[in-house]
Amino acid sequence: MANEDRFQVVIAGGGSGGISVAARLCKAIKPQNIAIIEPSDRHYYQPLWTLVGGGVVPRERTLRAESSLIPEGVTWVKDSVVSFDPEANRVRTAGGRTIGYDFLVVALGIQIDWGKVKGLEGEVGRNGVCSNYSYDTVSYTWETIRNFKGGAAIFTHPATPIKCGGAPQKIMYLADDAFRRQGVREKSTIEFFIGDPVIFKVKKYADALMKVIERKGITVQFKHNLTELRVGSREAVFQNLDTKAEVVRKWDMIHVTPPMSAPDVIKQSPLANAAGWVDVDKATLRHVKFANVFALGDCSSLPTSKTGAAIRKQAPVLVQNLLAAISGGTPAATYDGYTSCPLVTGYGRLILAEFDYDLNPRETFPFDQSKERWSMYMLKKNVLPALYWQGMMKGRA
């Protein structure tokens, strides 16, 4: 049937962005006119991986079957996109299928480049090398933290865009708390190597985080990027981004946030800008060249932090503008860059950072969110996961 090969709307990616867009679209157009291309049969609520790595929740709580989230009636193409041909309005899949579209939504997320740190690939999950950035390795982070007997604990933040800019330091604050509970903090050093020149881009929250770092006795090395792990000698090699000098540190445990980039299939396509991201207008989320293409989330060029909270605000704007385009109108809805990063600063403590494109705080609650609060910690632990599964993934919030 021709319907199997062409759809009114094709959504590339079945993660947070793709599912939330599909759920909203189904309220306005027939689900049979929509296809989602997604190879994985698992869907993860990744924001909770910080608390998995900190020993607070089991990793299984972050997992759902992808089939349970695909809106009823929407065609699920269980395959990967291997090329985009926006001139011909079609995509090709790894399985050799060509799928045409009237409108395309790109929501492929971000690519984790384990191989860009020499010696890292294949070493995460053993020998004290941890990372919360994989479902397969996140539990090892907690195993390492709770068995830590003292020594050098290193945490890294690469000099690339990443998912949730605060995540690399959140697990560090939890580790500090855990070491204190275990009675090994006085025998330990904690050092944070970050590729950025500041701890956080919004000054209000950066000031609050620097107070946390001072209180906890953590050493921060700004503008340092991890380039190599020498697992045999337990050495981490960093480059000072100012001087280009090599800095070597011994570790007893190291939590690595790997470099990330746009997916290769986007980098190699006509949809990409010079940096490799889908080149969209930052207000309307419509492609700057191809009027029937939209994008959201981590794979897009939107100049805001790459978080699920950002996607929650982007999805309704994209859908409104996509429906306008389908009806022959002009997209008029705008996205102001809102994003949020719930910054866990310890067990039972959280700073809720919310801000826009201009790095202005956009706080939801009627109090100073730069202060550490138990209530905001509980929001992250219990309320936001429910909002994600029952609201955002259903097109309700």
Protein backbone atom coordinates (compact mmCIF):
# COMPACT_ATOMS: atom_id res chain seq x y z
CA MET A 1 0.00 0.00 0.00
CA ALA A 2 1.18 3.50 -0.84
CA ASN A 3 0.12 4.59 2.64
CA GLU A 4 2.93 2.46 4.07
CA ASP A 5 5.51 4.56 2.23
CA ARG A 6 4.16 8.09 2.63
CA PHE A 7 2.65 9.99 5.54
CA GLN A 8 1.37 13.49 6.11
CA VAL A 9 3.76 13.85 9.07
CA VAL A 10 6.88 11.81 9.69
CA ILE A 11 8.56 12.16 13.08
CA ALA A 12 12.21 11.08 13.16
CA GLY A 13 12.87 9.97 16.73
CA GLY A 14 10.66 8.47 19.43
CA GLY A 15 12.20 10.04 22.50
CA SER A 16 10.83 12.89 24.61
CA GLY A 17 10.42 15.27 21.69
CA GLY A 18 9.02 12.84 19.16
CA ILE A 19 6.45 11.24 21.46
CA SER A 20 5.22 14.52 22.95
CA VAL A 21 4.77 16.02 19.47
CA ALA A 22 2.94 12.92 18.22
CA ALA A 23 0.61 12.89 21.24
CA ARG A 24 -0.34 16.52 20.64
CA LEU A 25 -0.71 16.12 16.87
CA CYS A 26 -3.14 13.24 17.33
CA LYS A 27 -5.64 15.66 18.83
CA ALA A 28 -5.78 17.62 15.58
CA ILE A 29 -5.08 15.20 12.72
CA LYS A 30 -5.74 11.51 12.15
CA PRO A 31 -3.14 9.31 13.87
CA GLN A 32 -3.05 7.18 10.73
CA ASN A 33 -1.43 10.12 8.95
CA ILE A 34 1.53 10.12 11.36
CA ALA A 35 4.60 7.88 11.48
CA ILE A 36 7.31 7.73 14.13
CA ILE A 37 10.67 6.30 13.12
CA GLU A 38 12.43 4.92 16.20
CA PRO A 39 14.62 1.80 16.48
CA SER A 40 14.58 1.30 20.25
CA ASP A 41 11.91 -0.68 22.05
CA ARG A 42 12.91 1.02 25.33
CA HIS A 43 12.16 4.56 26.47
CA TYR A 44 14.05 6.10 29.38
CA TYR A 45 13.27 8.96 31.72
CA GLN A 46 16.88 10.07 31.82
CA PRO A 47 16.59 13.02 34.27
CA LEU A 48 16.21 10.49 37.08
CA TRP A 49 19.55 8.82 36.32
CA THR A 50 21.27 11.29 38.67
CA LEU A 51 19.27 9.83 41.56
CA VAL A 52 19.93 6.28 40.33
CA GLY A 53 23.65 7.01 40.38
CA GLY A 54 23.22 8.48 43.86
CA GLY A 55 21.51 5.35 45.17
CA VAL A 56 18.11 6.98 45.68
CA VAL A 57 15.94 5.14 43.13
CA PRO A 58 16.35 1.87 41.19
CA ARG A 59 17.15 2.28 37.51
CA GLU A 60 14.10 0.20 36.53
CA ARG A 61 11.91 3.12 37.61
CA THR A 62 13.26 5.10 34.63
CA LEU A 63 12.27 2.55 31.98
CA ARG A 64 9.08 2.01 29.96
CA ALA A 65 8.36 0.02 26.82
CA GLU A 66 8.38 2.28 23.76
CA SER A 67 5.23 0.52 22.55
CA SER A 68 3.34 1.79 25.61
CA LEU A 69 4.05 5.41 24.60
CA ILE A 70 3.33 5.38 20.86
CA PRO A 71 -0.10 7.05 20.50
CA GLU A 72 -2.83 4.70 19.32
CA GLY A 73 -3.17 4.66 15.53
CA VAL A 74 0.26 6.17 14.85
CA THR A 75 2.52 4.00 12.68
CA TRP A 76 5.70 2.95 14.44
CA VAL A 77 8.52 2.32 11.98
CA LYS A 78 10.96 0.38 14.16
CA ASP A 79 14.07 1.41 12.28
CA SER A 80 16.78 4.09 12.18
CA VAL A 81 16.95 7.04 9.82
CA VAL A 82 20.17 6.86 7.80
CA SER A 83 19.64 9.81 5.45
CA PHE A 84 17.44 12.86 4.94
CA ASP A 85 16.46 14.09 1.48
CA PRO A 86 14.47 17.27 2.17
CA GLU A 87 14.51 18.31 -1.50
CA ALA A 88 12.51 15.16 -2.32
CA ASN A 89 10.57 15.10 0.99
CA ARG A 90 11.73 11.68 2.04
CA VAL A 91 13.95 9.82 4.47
CA ARG A 92 15.71 6.50 4.16
CA THR A 93 16.06 3.92 6.91
CA ALA A 94 18.71 1.38 7.85
CA GLY A 95 16.34 -1.35 6.75
CA GLY A 96 16.32 0.01 3.21
CA ARG A 97 12.92 1.63 3.38
CA THR A 98 12.15 4.99 1.75
CA ILE A 99 9.45 6.98 3.52
CA GLY A 100 7.93 10.11 2.05
CA TYR A 101 6.32 12.94 3.95
CA ASP A 102 4.42 16.17 3.54
CA PHE A 103 5.92 17.48 6.80
CA LEU A 104 8.90 16.29 8.80
CA VAL A 105 9.66 16.68 12.51
CA VAL A 106 13.22 15.89 13.54
CA ALA A 107 13.64 14.82 17.17
CA LEU A 108 16.67 12.54 17.14
CA GLY A 109 18.19 13.74 20.40
CA ILE A 110 21.92 14.04 21.01
CA GLN A 111 24.74 11.66 20.18
CA ILE A 112 27.10 10.46 22.91
CA ASP A 113 30.65 10.32 21.59
CA TRP A 114 32.38 7.89 23.96
CA GLY A 115 35.16 7.38 21.44
CA LYS A 116 36.25 11.02 21.50
CA VAL A 117 38.01 10.50 24.84
CA LYS A 118 40.98 8.24 24.23
CA GLY A 119 40.80 5.12 26.38
CA LEU A 120 37.23 5.67 27.58
CA GLU A 121 35.19 3.45 25.28
CA GLY A 122 34.54 0.04 26.79
CA GLU A 123 35.95 1.02 30.19
CA VAL A 124 32.87 2.60 31.76
CA GLY A 125 31.42 0.37 34.46
CA ARG A 126 34.67 -1.02 35.85
CA ASN A 127 37.95 0.01 37.46
CA GLY A 128 36.31 3.01 39.13
CA VAL A 129 35.22 4.57 35.82
CA CYS A 130 31.58 5.66 36.12
CA SER A 131 29.03 7.47 33.99
CA ASN A 132 25.36 8.20 34.55
CA TYR A 133 24.91 8.67 30.80
CA SER A 134 23.94 5.08 30.04
CA TYR A 135 21.24 2.86 31.49
CA ASP A 136 23.74 0.01 31.37
CA THR A 137 26.33 1.80 33.54
CA VAL A 138 24.35 4.10 35.83
CA SER A 139 24.00 1.53 38.62
CA TYR A 140 27.79 1.15 38.72
CA THR A 141 28.06 4.80 39.74
CA TRP A 142 26.27 4.05 43.00
CA GLU A 143 28.19 0.81 43.50
CA THR A 144 31.43 2.81 43.23
CA ILE A 145 30.28 5.66 45.49
CA ARG A 146 28.99 3.42 48.28
CA ASN A 147 32.14 1.27 48.24
CA PHE A 148 34.52 4.25 48.13
CA LYS A 149 37.13 4.05 50.90
CA GLY A 150 38.74 7.42 50.30
CA GLY A 151 41.19 8.89 47.82
CA ALA A 152 40.82 11.02 44.72
CA ALA A 153 37.33 11.38 43.24
CA ILE A 154 37.18 13.23 39.93
CA PHE A 155 34.08 14.46 38.07
CA THR A 156 34.15 15.83 34.51
CA HIS A 157 32.10 18.13 32.28
CA PRO A 158 33.19 18.23 28.60
CA ALA A 159 33.70 21.26 26.40
CA THR A 160 30.73 20.32 24.19
CA PRO A 161 26.98 20.88 24.45
CA ILE A 162 25.47 18.15 26.66
CA LYS A 163 22.12 17.00 27.97
CA CYS A 164 21.23 19.07 31.05
CA GLY A 165 24.22 21.25 31.75
CA GLY A 166 23.95 20.69 35.49
CA ALA A 167 24.00 16.89 35.49
CA PRO A 168 27.80 16.43 35.70
CA GLN A 169 27.97 18.31 39.00
CA LYS A 170 24.77 16.93 40.55
CA ILE A 171 26.23 13.46 41.02
CA MET A 172 29.34 15.07 42.54
CA TYR A 173 27.28 16.77 45.26
CA LEU A 174 25.53 13.49 46.05
CA ALA A 175 28.88 11.70 46.20
CA ASP A 176 30.16 14.29 48.66
CA ASP A 177 27.14 13.67 50.89
CA ALA A 178 27.55 9.91 50.60
CA PHE A 179 31.25 10.09 51.49
CA ARG A 180 30.38 12.10 54.59
CA ARG A 181 27.74 9.58 55.64
CA GLN A 182 30.23 6.76 55.10
CA GLY A 183 32.91 8.53 57.13
CA VAL A 184 35.44 8.73 54.27
CA ARG A 185 35.12 12.37 53.19
CA GLU A 186 38.11 13.50 55.31
CA LYS A 187 40.22 10.90 53.52
CA SER A 188 39.05 12.09 50.10
CA THR A 189 39.55 14.87 47.59
CA ILE A 190 36.84 15.88 45.13
CA GLU A 191 37.85 17.72 41.98
CA PHE A 192 35.59 18.96 39.18
CA PHE A 193 37.06 19.54 35.72
CA ILE A 194 34.72 21.59 33.52
CA GLY A 195 35.25 22.80 29.97
CA ASP A 196 33.24 25.97 30.60
CA PRO A 197 34.61 29.16 32.20
CA VAL A 198 31.76 29.22 34.76
CA ILE A 199 29.98 26.64 36.90
CA PHE A 200 26.59 27.60 35.38
CA LYS A 201 25.63 30.09 32.69
CA VAL A 202 22.99 31.97 34.72
CA LYS A 203 24.76 34.13 37.29
CA LYS A 204 22.06 33.86 39.96
CA TYR A 205 22.38 30.08 40.07
CA ALA A 206 26.14 30.10 39.49
CA ASP A 207 26.61 32.23 42.61
CA ALA A 208 24.51 29.80 44.65
CA LEU A 209 26.40 26.77 43.30
CA MET A 210 29.79 28.29 44.08
CA LYS A 211 28.65 28.60 47.71
CA VAL A 212 27.73 24.90 47.66
CA ILE A 213 31.16 24.05 46.25
CA GLU A 214 32.89 26.14 48.90
CA ARG A 215 30.85 24.56 51.68
CA LYS A 216 31.64 21.08 50.46
CA GLY A 217 35.35 21.72 49.97
CA ILE A 218 35.35 20.82 46.28
CA THR A 219 38.13 22.02 43.95
CA VAL A 220 37.02 23.26 40.52
CA GLN A 221 39.25 23.47 37.46
CA PHE A 222 37.54 25.66 34.86
CA LYS A 223 38.26 25.45 31.11
CA HIS A 224 39.74 21.96 31.39
CA ASN A 225 38.61 19.22 29.00
CA LEU A 226 39.12 15.46 29.46
CA THR A 227 41.08 14.05 26.50
CA GLU A 228 42.33 10.66 27.68
CA LEU A 229 41.91 7.98 30.33
CA ARG A 230 44.88 5.79 31.16
CA VAL A 231 43.00 3.05 32.93
CA GLY A 232 46.06 0.92 33.67
CA SER A 233 47.68 3.68 35.72
CA ARG A 234 44.38 5.28 36.76
CA GLU A 235 45.33 8.62 35.27
CA ALA A 236 43.03 11.18 33.66
CA VAL A 237 44.51 13.55 31.08
CA PHE A 238 42.98 16.99 30.64
CA GLN A 239 43.78 19.88 28.33
CA ASN A 240 43.82 23.40 29.70
CA LEU A 241 41.73 25.16 27.05
CA ASP A 242 43.56 28.46 27.55
CA THR A 243 47.17 27.32 27.55
CA LYS A 244 46.67 23.96 25.74
CA ALA A 245 48.87 22.43 28.44
CA GLU A 246 48.33 18.81 29.48
CA VAL A 247 47.16 18.22 33.06
CA VAL A 248 47.32 14.71 34.52
CA ARG A 249 45.46 13.54 37.64
CA LYS A 250 45.38 10.19 39.42
CA TRP A 251 41.94 8.89 40.35
CA ASP A 252 40.46 6.33 42.70
CA MET A 253 37.06 6.95 41.10
CA ILE A 254 36.13 9.11 38.13
CA HIS A 255 32.68 10.04 36.88
CA VAL A 256 32.89 10.92 33.20
CA THR A 257 30.38 13.00 31.31
CA PRO A 258 31.25 12.08 27.72
CA PRO A 259 31.49 14.54 24.83
CA MET A 260 28.26 14.88 22.83
CA SER A 261 27.25 16.21 19.44
CA ALA A 262 24.46 16.21 16.89
CA PRO A 263 23.72 12.74 15.48
CA ASP A 264 25.94 11.91 12.51
CA VAL A 265 22.92 11.42 10.25
CA ILE A 266 22.00 15.07 10.84
CA LYS A 267 25.58 16.38 10.52
CA GLN A 268 25.80 14.76 7.08
CA SER A 269 22.44 16.07 5.87
CA PRO A 270 21.20 19.29 4.19
CA LEU A 271 19.27 20.01 7.40
CA ALA A 272 22.38 20.84 9.43
CA ASN A 273 23.96 24.17 10.24
CA ALA A 274 27.75 24.59 10.40
CA ALA A 275 27.84 23.06 13.89
CA GLY A 276 25.84 20.00 12.81
CA TRP A 277 22.48 20.76 14.45
CA VAL A 278 19.12 20.96 12.64
CA ASP A 279 19.01 24.61 11.55
CA VAL A 280 15.72 26.01 12.79
CA ASP A 281 14.35 29.43 13.61
CA LYS A 282 14.75 29.84 17.36
CA ALA A 283 11.24 31.27 17.82
CA THR A 284 9.09 29.13 15.50
CA LEU A 285 11.17 25.89 15.40
CA ARG A 286 10.72 25.82 11.63
CA HIS A 287 13.71 25.01 9.44
CA VAL A 288 15.35 28.12 8.02
CA LYS A 289 15.51 26.65 4.49
CA PHE A 290 12.93 23.85 4.24
CA ALA A 291 9.50 25.21 5.20
CA ASN A 292 7.94 21.78 5.77
CA VAL A 293 10.60 20.70 8.26
CA PHE A 294 10.53 21.37 12.01
CA ALA A 295 12.80 20.26 14.84
CA LEU A 296 12.94 20.36 18.62
CA GLY A 297 14.98 19.12 21.50
CA ASP A 298 18.62 18.18 21.75
CA CYS A 299 19.25 17.75 18.00
CA SER A 300 18.03 21.25 17.16
CA SER A 301 20.05 24.46 16.83
CA LEU A 302 17.92 26.18 19.49
CA PRO A 303 20.39 28.16 21.65
CA THR A 304 19.14 26.97 25.02
CA SER A 305 20.05 24.19 27.43
CA LYS A 306 19.19 20.73 26.20
CA THR A 307 16.68 19.47 28.76
CA GLY A 308 13.36 17.67 28.92
CA ALA A 309 11.84 20.80 30.43
CA ALA A 310 12.83 22.75 27.32
CA ILE A 311 11.15 20.13 25.13
CA ARG A 312 7.98 20.40 27.21
CA LYS A 313 7.74 24.08 26.24
CA GLN A 314 8.94 23.57 22.67
CA ALA A 315 6.45 20.83 21.73
CA PRO A 316 3.23 22.89 21.91
CA VAL A 317 4.86 25.72 19.93
CA LEU A 318 6.07 23.32 17.26
CA VAL A 319 2.70 21.58 16.98
CA GLN A 320 0.81 24.87 16.74
CA ASN A 321 3.14 26.08 13.99
CA LEU A 322 3.11 22.75 12.18
CA LEU A 323 -0.69 22.72 12.13
CA ALA A 324 -0.65 26.28 10.80
CA ALA A 325 1.69 25.19 8.02
CA ILE A 326 -0.47 22.15 7.22
CA SER A 327 -3.51 24.43 6.82
CA GLY A 328 -1.57 26.84 4.63
CA GLY A 329 -1.19 29.51 7.29
CA THR A 330 1.83 31.27 8.75
CA PRO A 331 3.41 29.90 11.94
CA ALA A 332 2.85 32.50 14.65
CA ALA A 333 3.56 30.71 17.95
CA THR A 334 6.90 31.52 19.51
CA TYR A 335 9.26 29.83 21.95
CA ASP A 336 11.28 32.10 24.24
CA GLY A 337 14.03 29.63 25.10
CA TYR A 338 12.58 28.53 28.45
CA THR A 339 14.47 25.66 30.01
CA SER A 340 14.92 24.22 33.46
CA CYS A 341 17.62 22.33 35.28
CA PRO A 342 16.79 20.92 38.72
CA LEU A 343 20.22 21.12 40.36
CA VAL A 344 20.51 18.48 43.06
CA THR A 345 23.04 19.77 45.61
CA GLY A 346 22.83 16.85 48.03
CA TYR A 347 20.35 14.37 49.48
CA GLY A 348 17.18 16.34 50.12
CA ARG A 349 18.54 19.56 48.59
CA LEU A 350 17.86 21.13 45.21
CA ILE A 351 18.20 24.47 43.42
CA LEU A 352 15.58 24.77 40.68
CA ALA A 353 17.11 26.77 37.83
CA GLU A 354 14.65 28.09 35.25
CA PHE A 355 15.62 30.60 32.57
CA ASP A 356 15.17 31.77 28.97
CA TYR A 357 17.29 32.51 25.89
CA ASP A 358 18.67 35.65 27.50
CA LEU A 359 19.68 33.74 30.66
CA ASN A 360 17.08 35.61 32.67
CA PRO A 361 15.56 33.57 35.53
CA ARG A 362 12.00 32.44 34.69
CA GLU A 363 10.96 31.01 38.02
CA THR A 364 7.70 29.16 38.55
CA PHE A 365 7.35 29.37 42.33
CA PRO A 366 6.81 32.45 44.54
CA PHE A 367 10.15 32.16 46.32
CA ASP A 368 13.86 32.42 45.56
CA GLN A 369 14.65 29.23 43.65
CA SER A 370 18.41 29.77 43.96
CA LYS A 371 18.14 28.57 47.57
CA GLU A 372 18.54 24.86 48.27
CA ARG A 373 15.18 23.33 49.21
CA TRP A 374 13.85 19.94 50.27
CA SER A 375 10.52 20.69 48.54
CA MET A 376 12.24 21.13 45.17
CA TYR A 377 14.19 17.91 45.71
CA MET A 378 10.91 16.07 46.22
CA LEU A 379 9.54 17.78 43.11
CA LYS A 380 12.36 16.25 41.08
CA LYS A 381 12.18 12.85 42.74
CA ASN A 382 8.42 12.30 42.71
CA VAL A 383 6.43 14.96 40.85
CA LEU A 384 8.42 15.54 37.66
CA PRO A 385 8.59 11.83 36.68
CA ALA A 386 4.79 11.57 37.00
CA LEU A 387 4.37 14.79 35.02
CA TYR A 388 6.61 13.32 32.31
CA TRP A 389 4.89 9.94 31.93
CA GLN A 390 1.28 11.02 32.50
CA GLY A 391 1.41 14.59 31.17
CA MET A 392 4.13 15.33 28.67
CA MET A 393 4.17 11.90 26.99
CA LYS A 394 0.38 12.02 26.67
CA GLY A 395 0.36 15.51 25.17
CA ARG A 396 -1.33 16.96 28.26
CA ALA A 397 1.44 19.06 29.79
